Amino acid sequence: MKLTQTLLCSLVTMSLMACSSDGGSTHVDIGGNNPAPTPNTPNNPN
């Protein structure tokens, strides 16, 4: 029987208006059992 190993990761990022040293991005690492944060609507100028 063939055994298959798996490994999983997930990442989501959103661009920010505020400048930062990495070009204005923030990065949220999501574990396999944690829900992803829902980005706010991109149509809200505030």
All heavy atoms as atom14 arrays in JSON, in Angstrom:
{
  "sequence": "MKLTQTLLCSLVTMSLMACSSDGGSTHVDIGGNNPAPTPNTPNNPN",
  "atom14_mask": [
    [1, 1, 1, 1, 1, 1, 1, 1, 0, 0, 0, 0, 0, 0],
    [1, 1, 1, 1, 1, 1, 1, 1, 1, 0, 0, 0, 0, 0],
    [1, 1, 1, 1, 1, 1, 1, 1, 0, 0, 0, 0, 0, 0],
    [1, 1, 1, 1, 1, 1, 1, 0, 0, 0, 0, 0, 0, 0],
    [1, 1, 1, 1, 1, 1, 1, 1, 1, 0, 0, 0, 0, 0],
    [1, 1, 1, 1, 1, 1, 1, 0, 0, 0, 0, 0, 0, 0],
    [1, 1, 1, 1, 1, 1, 1, 1, 0, 0, 0, 0, 0, 0],
    [1, 1, 1, 1, 1, 1, 1, 1, 0, 0, 0, 0, 0, 0],
    [1, 1, 1, 1, 1, 1, 0, 0, 0, 0, 0, 0, 0, 0],
    [1, 1, 1, 1, 1, 1, 0, 0, 0, 0, 0, 0, 0, 0],
    [1, 1, 1, 1, 1, 1, 1, 1, 0, 0, 0, 0, 0, 0],
    [1, 1, 1, 1, 1, 1, 1, 0, 0, 0, 0, 0, 0, 0],
    [1, 1, 1, 1, 1, 1, 1, 0, 0, 0, 0, 0, 0, 0],
    [1, 1, 1, 1, 1, 1, 1, 1, 0, 0, 0, 0, 0, 0],
    [1, 1, 1, 1, 1, 1, 0, 0, 0, 0, 0, 0, 0, 0],
    [1, 1, 1, 1, 1, 1, 1, 1, 0, 0, 0, 0, 0, 0],
    [1, 1, 1, 1, 1, 1, 1, 1, 0, 0, 0, 0, 0, 0],
    [1, 1, 1, 1, 1, 0, 0, 0, 0, 0, 0, 0, 0, 0],
    [1, 1, 1, 1, 1, 1, 0, 0, 0, 0, 0, 0, 0, 0],
    [1, 1, 1, 1, 1, 1, 0, 0, 0, 0, 0, 0, 0, 0],
    [1, 1, 1, 1, 1, 1, 0, 0, 0, 0, 0, 0, 0, 0],
    [1, 1, 1, 1, 1, 1, 1, 1, 0, 0, 0, 0, 0, 0],
    [1, 1, 1, 1, 0, 0, 0, 0, 0, 0, 0, 0, 0, 0],
    [1, 1, 1, 1, 0, 0, 0, 0, 0, 0, 0, 0, 0, 0],
    [1, 1, 1, 1, 1, 1, 0, 0, 0, 0, 0, 0, 0, 0],
    [1, 1, 1, 1, 1, 1, 1, 0, 0, 0, 0, 0, 0, 0],
    [1, 1, 1, 1, 1, 1, 1, 1, 1, 1, 0, 0, 0, 0],
    [1, 1, 1, 1, 1, 1, 1, 0, 0, 0, 0, 0, 0, 0],
    [1, 1, 1, 1, 1, 1, 1, 1, 0, 0, 0, 0, 0, 0],
    [1, 1, 1, 1, 1, 1, 1, 1, 0, 0, 0, 0, 0, 0],
    [1, 1, 1, 1, 0, 0, 0, 0, 0, 0, 0, 0, 0, 0],
    [1, 1, 1, 1, 0, 0, 0, 0, 0, 0, 0, 0, 0, 0],
    [1, 1, 1, 1, 1, 1, 1, 1, 0, 0, 0, 0, 0, 0],
    [1, 1, 1, 1, 1, 1, 1, 1, 0, 0, 0, 0, 0, 0],
    [1, 1, 1, 1, 1, 1, 1, 0, 0, 0, 0, 0, 0, 0],
    [1, 1, 1, 1, 1, 0, 0, 0, 0, 0, 0, 0, 0, 0],
    [1, 1, 1, 1, 1, 1, 1, 0, 0, 0, 0, 0, 0, 0],
    [1, 1, 1, 1, 1, 1, 1, 0, 0, 0, 0, 0, 0, 0],
    [1, 1, 1, 1, 1, 1, 1, 0, 0, 0, 0, 0, 0, 0],
    [1, 1, 1, 1, 1, 1, 1, 1, 0, 0, 0, 0, 0, 0],
    [1, 1, 1, 1, 1, 1, 1, 0, 0, 0, 0, 0, 0, 0],
    [1, 1, 1, 1, 1, 1, 1, 0, 0, 0, 0, 0, 0, 0],
    [1, 1, 1, 1, 1, 1, 1, 1, 0, 0, 0, 0, 0, 0],
    [1, 1, 1, 1, 1, 1, 1, 1, 0, 0, 0, 0, 0, 0],
    [1, 1, 1, 1, 1, 1, 1, 0, 0, 0, 0, 0, 0, 0],
    [1, 1, 1, 1, 1, 1, 1, 1, 0, 0, 0, 0, 0, 0]
  ],
  "atom14_positions": [
    [[0.84, -1.19, 0.0], [0.0, 0.0, 0.0], [0.87, 1.24, 0.0], [1.82, 1.34, 0.77], [-0.91, 0.0, 1.23], [-1.85, 1.21, 1.28], [-2.94, 1.19, 2.72], [-1.74, 1.45, 4.03], [0.0, 0.0, 0.0], [0.0, 0.0, 0.0], [0.0, 0.0, 0.0], [0.0, 0.0, 0.0], [0.0, 0.0, 0.0], [0.0, 0.0, 0.0]],
    [[0.55, 2.15, -0.86], [1.32, 3.38, -0.94], [0.88, 4.36, 0.14], [-0.31, 4.64, 0.28], [1.14, 4.02, -2.32], [1.91, 5.31, -2.49], [1.7, 5.89, -3.87], [2.44, 7.2, -4.02], [2.22, 7.79, -5.36], [0.0, 0.0, 0.0], [0.0, 0.0, 0.0], [0.0, 0.0, 0.0], [0.0, 0.0, 0.0], [0.0, 0.0, 0.0]],
    [[1.83, 4.84, 0.91], [1.53, 5.82, 1.96], [1.78, 7.22, 1.44], [2.77, 7.47, 0.76], [2.4, 5.57, 3.2], [2.2, 4.22, 3.88], [3.17, 4.09, 5.04], [0.77, 4.07, 4.37], [0.0, 0.0, 0.0], [0.0, 0.0, 0.0], [0.0, 0.0, 0.0], [0.0, 0.0, 0.0], [0.0, 0.0, 0.0], [0.0, 0.0, 0.0]],
    [[0.87, 8.11, 1.74], [1.0, 9.5, 1.3], [1.06, 10.41, 2.51], [0.2, 10.35, 3.39], [-0.19, 9.92, 0.43], [-0.27, 9.05, -0.7], [-0.04, 11.34, -0.05], [0.0, 0.0, 0.0], [0.0, 0.0, 0.0], [0.0, 0.0, 0.0], [0.0, 0.0, 0.0], [0.0, 0.0, 0.0], [0.0, 0.0, 0.0], [0.0, 0.0, 0.0]],
    [[2.08, 11.23, 2.57], [2.2, 12.21, 3.64], [1.72, 13.56, 3.14], [1.86, 13.89, 1.97], [3.65, 12.34, 4.11], [4.16, 11.13, 4.86], [5.58, 11.33, 5.32], [6.5, 11.36, 4.52], [5.76, 11.47, 6.61], [0.0, 0.0, 0.0], [0.0, 0.0, 0.0], [0.0, 0.0, 0.0], [0.0, 0.0, 0.0], [0.0, 0.0, 0.0]],
    [[1.16, 14.32, 4.05], [0.68, 15.65, 3.68], [1.17, 16.67, 4.69], [1.47, 16.36, 5.83], [-0.85, 15.7, 3.64], [-1.37, 15.37, 4.93], [-1.4, 14.74, 2.59], [0.0, 0.0, 0.0], [0.0, 0.0, 0.0], [0.0, 0.0, 0.0], [0.0, 0.0, 0.0], [0.0, 0.0, 0.0], [0.0, 0.0, 0.0], [0.0, 0.0, 0.0]],
    [[1.23, 17.88, 4.22], [1.63, 19.0, 5.07], [0.92, 20.22, 4.56], [0.9, 20.48, 3.36], [3.15, 19.2, 5.01], [3.77, 20.18, 6.0], [3.55, 19.7, 7.42], [5.26, 20.31, 5.73], [0.0, 0.0, 0.0], [0.0, 0.0, 0.0], [0.0, 0.0, 0.0], [0.0, 0.0, 0.0], [0.0, 0.0, 0.0], [0.0, 0.0, 0.0]],
    [[0.31, 20.98, 5.46], [-0.53, 22.08, 5.04], [-0.18, 23.37, 5.77], [0.14, 23.36, 6.95], [-2.0, 21.76, 5.32], [-2.61, 20.58, 4.58], [-3.97, 20.27, 5.15], [-2.71, 20.87, 3.11], [0.0, 0.0, 0.0], [0.0, 0.0, 0.0], [0.0, 0.0, 0.0], [0.0, 0.0, 0.0], [0.0, 0.0, 0.0], [0.0, 0.0, 0.0]],
    [[-0.27, 24.48, 5.06], [-0.13, 25.81, 5.63], [-1.07, 26.73, 4.9], [-1.52, 26.44, 3.8], [1.28, 26.35, 5.5], [2.53, 25.43, 6.41], [0.0, 0.0, 0.0], [0.0, 0.0, 0.0], [0.0, 0.0, 0.0], [0.0, 0.0, 0.0], [0.0, 0.0, 0.0], [0.0, 0.0, 0.0], [0.0, 0.0, 0.0], [0.0, 0.0, 0.0]],
    [[-1.38, 27.86, 5.5], [-2.22, 28.85, 4.83], [-1.8, 30.23, 5.27], [-1.4, 30.43, 6.4], [-3.69, 28.61, 5.16], [-4.5, 29.57, 4.55], [0.0, 0.0, 0.0], [0.0, 0.0, 0.0], [0.0, 0.0, 0.0], [0.0, 0.0, 0.0], [0.0, 0.0, 0.0], [0.0, 0.0, 0.0], [0.0, 0.0, 0.0], [0.0, 0.0, 0.0]],
    [[-1.92, 31.16, 4.37], [-1.54, 32.54, 4.66], [-2.46, 33.46, 3.9], [-2.8, 33.2, 2.76], [-0.1, 32.8, 4.24], [0.51, 34.13, 4.65], [0.86, 34.1, 6.13], [1.77, 34.41, 3.85], [0.0, 0.0, 0.0], [0.0, 0.0, 0.0], [0.0, 0.0, 0.0], [0.0, 0.0, 0.0], [0.0, 0.0, 0.0], [0.0, 0.0, 0.0]],
    [[-2.88, 34.53, 4.53], [-3.68, 35.55, 3.85], [-3.08, 36.9, 4.18], [-2.58, 37.1, 5.28], [-5.16, 35.5, 4.27], [-5.36, 35.82, 5.73], [-6.0, 36.46, 3.41], [0.0, 0.0, 0.0], [0.0, 0.0, 0.0], [0.0, 0.0, 0.0], [0.0, 0.0, 0.0], [0.0, 0.0, 0.0], [0.0, 0.0, 0.0], [0.0, 0.0, 0.0]],
    [[-3.09, 37.79, 3.23], [-2.52, 39.11, 3.46], [-3.42, 40.17, 2.86], [-4.12, 39.93, 1.89], [-1.12, 39.25, 2.86], [-0.6, 40.53, 3.17], [-1.12, 39.08, 1.36], [0.0, 0.0, 0.0], [0.0, 0.0, 0.0], [0.0, 0.0, 0.0], [0.0, 0.0, 0.0], [0.0, 0.0, 0.0], [0.0, 0.0, 0.0], [0.0, 0.0, 0.0]],
    [[-3.4, 41.36, 3.45], [-4.17, 42.49, 2.96], [-3.25, 43.69, 2.85], [-2.44, 43.94, 3.74], [-5.32, 42.81, 3.93], [-6.3, 41.67, 4.13], [-7.4, 41.97, 5.5], [-6.27, 41.73, 6.87], [0.0, 0.0, 0.0], [0.0, 0.0, 0.0], [0.0, 0.0, 0.0], [0.0, 0.0, 0.0], [0.0, 0.0, 0.0], [0.0, 0.0, 0.0]],
    [[-3.4, 44.46, 1.8], [-2.61, 45.67, 1.66], [-3.17, 46.74, 2.59], [-4.37, 46.86, 2.76], [-2.66, 46.17, 0.22], [-2.11, 45.23, -0.65], [0.0, 0.0, 0.0], [0.0, 0.0, 0.0], [0.0, 0.0, 0.0], [0.0, 0.0, 0.0], [0.0, 0.0, 0.0], [0.0, 0.0, 0.0], [0.0, 0.0, 0.0], [0.0, 0.0, 0.0]],
    [[-2.28, 47.5, 3.18], [-2.68, 48.57, 4.08], [-2.36, 49.92, 3.47], [-1.45, 50.06, 2.68], [-1.94, 48.44, 5.42], [-2.16, 47.13, 6.19], [-1.37, 47.17, 7.48], [-3.63, 46.93, 6.49], [0.0, 0.0, 0.0], [0.0, 0.0, 0.0], [0.0, 0.0, 0.0], [0.0, 0.0, 0.0], [0.0, 0.0, 0.0], [0.0, 0.0, 0.0]],
    [[-3.13, 50.93, 3.88], [-2.85, 52.27, 3.39], [-1.61, 52.84, 4.05], [-0.89, 53.62, 3.48], [-4.06, 53.18, 3.62], [-5.27, 52.82, 2.78], [-6.63, 53.93, 3.0], [-5.97, 55.41, 2.24], [0.0, 0.0, 0.0], [0.0, 0.0, 0.0], [0.0, 0.0, 0.0], [0.0, 0.0, 0.0], [0.0, 0.0, 0.0], [0.0, 0.0, 0.0]],
    [[-1.4, 52.49, 5.32], [-0.24, 53.0, 6.03], [1.04, 52.39, 5.48], [1.09, 51.21, 5.17], [-0.35, 52.68, 7.51], [0.0, 0.0, 0.0], [0.0, 0.0, 0.0], [0.0, 0.0, 0.0], [0.0, 0.0, 0.0], [0.0, 0.0, 0.0], [0.0, 0.0, 0.0], [0.0, 0.0, 0.0], [0.0, 0.0, 0.0], [0.0, 0.0, 0.0]],
    [[2.07, 53.22, 5.35], [3.34, 52.73, 4.83], [4.09, 51.95, 5.91], [3.97, 52.25, 7.1], [4.21, 53.9, 4.36], [3.53, 54.79, 2.96], [0.0, 0.0, 0.0], [0.0, 0.0, 0.0], [0.0, 0.0, 0.0], [0.0, 0.0, 0.0], [0.0, 0.0, 0.0], [0.0, 0.0, 0.0], [0.0, 0.0, 0.0], [0.0, 0.0, 0.0]],
    [[4.86, 50.98, 5.49], [5.7, 50.25, 6.41], [6.96, 49.83, 5.69], [7.07, 49.97, 4.47], [4.98, 49.02, 6.98], [4.78, 48.06, 5.97], [0.0, 0.0, 0.0], [0.0, 0.0, 0.0], [0.0, 0.0, 0.0], [0.0, 0.0, 0.0], [0.0, 0.0, 0.0], [0.0, 0.0, 0.0], [0.0, 0.0, 0.0], [0.0, 0.0, 0.0]],
    [[7.9, 49.21, 6.42], [9.18, 48.89, 5.82], [9.11, 47.79, 4.78], [10.01, 47.65, 3.98], [10.18, 48.49, 6.92], [9.71, 47.34, 7.6], [0.0, 0.0, 0.0], [0.0, 0.0, 0.0], [0.0, 0.0, 0.0], [0.0, 0.0, 0.0], [0.0, 0.0, 0.0], [0.0, 0.0, 0.0], [0.0, 0.0, 0.0], [0.0, 0.0, 0.0]],
    [[8.02, 46.98, 4.81], [7.93, 45.89, 3.85], [7.02, 46.25, 2.68], [6.51, 45.38, 2.0], [7.46, 44.59, 4.5], [6.06, 44.69, 5.07], [5.51, 45.79, 5.08], [5.53, 43.65, 5.48], [0.0, 0.0, 0.0], [0.0, 0.0, 0.0], [0.0, 0.0, 0.0], [0.0, 0.0, 0.0], [0.0, 0.0, 0.0], [0.0, 0.0, 0.0]],
    [[6.8, 47.53, 2.45], [6.02, 47.94, 1.3], [4.55, 48.1, 1.59], [3.73, 48.18, 0.68], [0.0, 0.0, 0.0], [0.0, 0.0, 0.0], [0.0, 0.0, 0.0], [0.0, 0.0, 0.0], [0.0, 0.0, 0.0], [0.0, 0.0, 0.0], [0.0, 0.0, 0.0], [0.0, 0.0, 0.0], [0.0, 0.0, 0.0], [0.0, 0.0, 0.0]],
    [[4.17, 48.16, 2.89], [2.79, 48.44, 3.21], [1.91, 47.22, 3.28], [0.74, 47.28, 2.92], [0.0, 0.0, 0.0], [0.0, 0.0, 0.0], [0.0, 0.0, 0.0], [0.0, 0.0, 0.0], [0.0, 0.0, 0.0], [0.0, 0.0, 0.0], [0.0, 0.0, 0.0], [0.0, 0.0, 0.0], [0.0, 0.0, 0.0], [0.0, 0.0, 0.0]],
    [[2.42, 46.09, 3.76], [1.6, 44.89, 3.86], [1.66, 44.33, 5.27], [2.63, 44.51, 5.99], [2.07, 43.82, 2.87], [1.9, 44.25, 1.55], [0.0, 0.0, 0.0], [0.0, 0.0, 0.0], [0.0, 0.0, 0.0], [0.0, 0.0, 0.0], [0.0, 0.0, 0.0], [0.0, 0.0, 0.0], [0.0, 0.0, 0.0], [0.0, 0.0, 0.0]],
    [[0.6, 43.65, 5.66], [0.62, 42.92, 6.91], [0.33, 41.46, 6.59], [-0.37, 41.16, 5.63], [-0.42, 43.46, 7.91], [-0.27, 42.76, 9.14], [-1.84, 43.27, 7.42], [0.0, 0.0, 0.0], [0.0, 0.0, 0.0], [0.0, 0.0, 0.0], [0.0, 0.0, 0.0], [0.0, 0.0, 0.0], [0.0, 0.0, 0.0], [0.0, 0.0, 0.0]],
    [[0.87, 40.54, 7.37], [0.76, 39.13, 7.06], [0.24, 38.38, 8.28], [0.8, 38.49, 9.36], [2.11, 38.57, 6.64], [2.81, 39.48, 5.68], [2.37, 39.69, 4.4], [3.88, 40.3, 5.85], [3.15, 40.57, 3.8], [4.06, 40.95, 4.66], [0.0, 0.0, 0.0], [0.0, 0.0, 0.0], [0.0, 0.0, 0.0], [0.0, 0.0, 0.0]],
    [[-0.82, 37.63, 8.1], [-1.44, 36.89, 9.19], [-1.31, 35.41, 8.91], [-1.83, 34.91, 7.91], [-2.93, 37.26, 9.31], [-3.55, 36.55, 10.5], [-3.09, 38.77, 9.46], [0.0, 0.0, 0.0], [0.0, 0.0, 0.0], [0.0, 0.0, 0.0], [0.0, 0.0, 0.0], [0.0, 0.0, 0.0], [0.0, 0.0, 0.0], [0.0, 0.0, 0.0]],
    [[-0.58, 34.7, 9.75], [-0.41, 33.26, 9.56], [-1.6, 32.55, 10.17], [-1.98, 32.8, 11.31], [0.89, 32.8, 10.24], [1.34, 31.46, 9.72], [0.77, 31.01, 8.71], [2.25, 30.87, 10.32], [0.0, 0.0, 0.0], [0.0, 0.0, 0.0], [0.0, 0.0, 0.0], [0.0, 0.0, 0.0], [0.0, 0.0, 0.0], [0.0, 0.0, 0.0]],
    [[-2.18, 31.64, 9.41], [-3.38, 30.94, 9.84], [-3.06, 29.49, 10.06], [-2.65, 28.79, 9.14], [-4.49, 31.06, 8.78], [-4.74, 32.53, 8.45], [-5.77, 30.41, 9.26], [-5.62, 32.7, 7.26], [0.0, 0.0, 0.0], [0.0, 0.0, 0.0], [0.0, 0.0, 0.0], [0.0, 0.0, 0.0], [0.0, 0.0, 0.0], [0.0, 0.0, 0.0]],
    [[-3.25, 29.0, 11.25], [-3.05, 27.59, 11.51], [-4.18, 26.77, 10.9], [-5.24, 27.29, 10.55], [0.0, 0.0, 0.0], [0.0, 0.0, 0.0], [0.0, 0.0, 0.0], [0.0, 0.0, 0.0], [0.0, 0.0, 0.0], [0.0, 0.0, 0.0], [0.0, 0.0, 0.0], [0.0, 0.0, 0.0], [0.0, 0.0, 0.0], [0.0, 0.0, 0.0]],
    [[-3.94, 25.47, 10.79], [-4.91, 24.62, 10.11], [-6.29, 24.61, 10.75], [-7.29, 24.36, 10.1], [0.0, 0.0, 0.0], [0.0, 0.0, 0.0], [0.0, 0.0, 0.0], [0.0, 0.0, 0.0], [0.0, 0.0, 0.0], [0.0, 0.0, 0.0], [0.0, 0.0, 0.0], [0.0, 0.0, 0.0], [0.0, 0.0, 0.0], [0.0, 0.0, 0.0]],
    [[-6.39, 24.88, 12.07], [-7.67, 24.82, 12.75], [-8.22, 26.18, 13.1], [-9.24, 26.29, 13.78], [-7.54, 23.98, 14.03], [-7.16, 22.55, 13.74], [-7.69, 21.95, 12.81], [-6.22, 22.0, 14.51], [0.0, 0.0, 0.0], [0.0, 0.0, 0.0], [0.0, 0.0, 0.0], [0.0, 0.0, 0.0], [0.0, 0.0, 0.0], [0.0, 0.0, 0.0]],
    [[-7.56, 27.24, 12.69], [-8.0, 28.58, 13.03], [-8.68, 29.22, 11.84], [-8.2, 29.13, 10.72], [-6.82, 29.45, 13.45], [-6.14, 28.93, 14.69], [-6.81, 28.42, 15.59], [-4.83, 29.03, 14.75], [0.0, 0.0, 0.0], [0.0, 0.0, 0.0], [0.0, 0.0, 0.0], [0.0, 0.0, 0.0], [0.0, 0.0, 0.0], [0.0, 0.0, 0.0]],
    [[-9.81, 29.9, 12.06], [-10.48, 30.55, 10.93], [-9.68, 31.73, 10.42], [-8.99, 32.4, 11.17], [-11.82, 31.0, 11.54], [-11.52, 31.17, 13.0], [-10.5, 30.11, 13.33], [0.0, 0.0, 0.0], [0.0, 0.0, 0.0], [0.0, 0.0, 0.0], [0.0, 0.0, 0.0], [0.0, 0.0, 0.0], [0.0, 0.0, 0.0], [0.0, 0.0, 0.0]],
    [[-9.79, 31.96, 9.13], [-9.1, 33.1, 8.54], [-9.83, 34.38, 8.88], [-11.05, 34.42, 8.91], [-9.05, 32.94, 7.02], [0.0, 0.0, 0.0], [0.0, 0.0, 0.0], [0.0, 0.0, 0.0], [0.0, 0.0, 0.0], [0.0, 0.0, 0.0], [0.0, 0.0, 0.0], [0.0, 0.0, 0.0], [0.0, 0.0, 0.0], [0.0, 0.0, 0.0]],
    [[-9.09, 35.46, 9.17], [-9.76, 36.74, 9.39], [-10.41, 37.2, 8.1], [-9.87, 37.02, 7.02], [-8.6, 37.66, 9.79], [-7.39, 37.04, 9.19], [-7.64, 35.57, 9.22], [0.0, 0.0, 0.0], [0.0, 0.0, 0.0], [0.0, 0.0, 0.0], [0.0, 0.0, 0.0], [0.0, 0.0, 0.0], [0.0, 0.0, 0.0], [0.0, 0.0, 0.0]],
    [[-11.59, 37.77, 8.22], [-12.3, 38.26, 7.05], [-11.92, 39.69, 6.79], [-12.18, 40.57, 7.62], [-13.82, 38.16, 7.26], [-14.15, 36.79, 7.52], [-14.56, 38.64, 6.02], [0.0, 0.0, 0.0], [0.0, 0.0, 0.0], [0.0, 0.0, 0.0], [0.0, 0.0, 0.0], [0.0, 0.0, 0.0], [0.0, 0.0, 0.0], [0.0, 0.0, 0.0]],
    [[-11.29, 40.0, 5.65], [-10.93, 41.38, 5.35], [-12.18, 42.24, 5.25], [-13.24, 41.79, 4.79], [-10.22, 41.28, 3.99], [-9.83, 39.84, 3.87], [-10.87, 39.08, 4.61], [0.0, 0.0, 0.0], [0.0, 0.0, 0.0], [0.0, 0.0, 0.0], [0.0, 0.0, 0.0], [0.0, 0.0, 0.0], [0.0, 0.0, 0.0], [0.0, 0.0, 0.0]],
    [[-12.07, 43.47, 5.71], [-13.18, 44.4, 5.55], [-13.41, 44.69, 4.09], [-12.54, 44.51, 3.26], [-12.89, 45.7, 6.31], [-12.8, 45.48, 7.8], [-13.52, 44.66, 8.36], [-11.91, 46.2, 8.46], [0.0, 0.0, 0.0], [0.0, 0.0, 0.0], [0.0, 0.0, 0.0], [0.0, 0.0, 0.0], [0.0, 0.0, 0.0], [0.0, 0.0, 0.0]],
    [[-14.6, 45.18, 3.79], [-14.92, 45.44, 2.4], [-13.95, 46.43, 1.78], [-13.65, 47.47, 2.36], [-16.36, 45.98, 2.26], [-16.52, 46.39, 0.89], [-16.61, 47.18, 3.16], [0.0, 0.0, 0.0], [0.0, 0.0, 0.0], [0.0, 0.0, 0.0], [0.0, 0.0, 0.0], [0.0, 0.0, 0.0], [0.0, 0.0, 0.0], [0.0, 0.0, 0.0]],
    [[-13.43, 46.13, 0.59], [-12.46, 47.04, -0.04], [-13.1, 48.3, -0.6], [-12.42, 49.17, -1.1], [-11.88, 46.18, -1.17], [-12.95, 45.21, -1.48], [-13.62, 44.91, -0.18], [0.0, 0.0, 0.0], [0.0, 0.0, 0.0], [0.0, 0.0, 0.0], [0.0, 0.0, 0.0], [0.0, 0.0, 0.0], [0.0, 0.0, 0.0], [0.0, 0.0, 0.0]],
    [[-14.43, 48.39, -0.51], [-15.1, 49.56, -1.07], [-15.28, 50.68, -0.06], [-15.8, 51.75, -0.37], [-16.48, 49.16, -1.61], [-16.35, 48.17, -2.76], [-15.49, 48.33, -3.6], [-17.21, 47.15, -2.77], [0.0, 0.0, 0.0], [0.0, 0.0, 0.0], [0.0, 0.0, 0.0], [0.0, 0.0, 0.0], [0.0, 0.0, 0.0], [0.0, 0.0, 0.0]],
    [[-14.89, 50.46, 1.2], [-15.03, 51.47, 2.24], [-13.79, 52.35, 2.25], [-12.72, 51.91, 2.64], [-15.22, 50.78, 3.6], [-15.39, 51.79, 4.73], [-15.34, 53.0, 4.52], [-15.59, 51.27, 5.94], [0.0, 0.0, 0.0], [0.0, 0.0, 0.0], [0.0, 0.0, 0.0], [0.0, 0.0, 0.0], [0.0, 0.0, 0.0], [0.0, 0.0, 0.0]],
    [[-13.9, 53.63, 1.88], [-12.7, 54.47, 1.81], [-12.08, 54.75, 3.16], [-10.94, 55.16, 3.26], [-13.21, 55.75, 1.14], [-14.68, 55.77, 1.44], [-15.12, 54.35, 1.45], [0.0, 0.0, 0.0], [0.0, 0.0, 0.0], [0.0, 0.0, 0.0], [0.0, 0.0, 0.0], [0.0, 0.0, 0.0], [0.0, 0.0, 0.0], [0.0, 0.0, 0.0]],
    [[-12.84, 54.54, 4.25], [-12.3, 54.79, 5.58], [-11.73, 53.53, 6.22], [-11.28, 53.56, 7.35], [-13.41, 55.35, 6.49], [-13.91, 56.69, 5.99], [-13.11, 57.54, 5.58], [-15.23, 56.88, 6.01], [0.0, 0.0, 0.0], [0.0, 0.0, 0.0], [0.0, 0.0, 0.0], [0.0, 0.0, 0.0], [0.0, 0.0, 0.0], [0.0, 0.0, 0.0]]
  ]
}
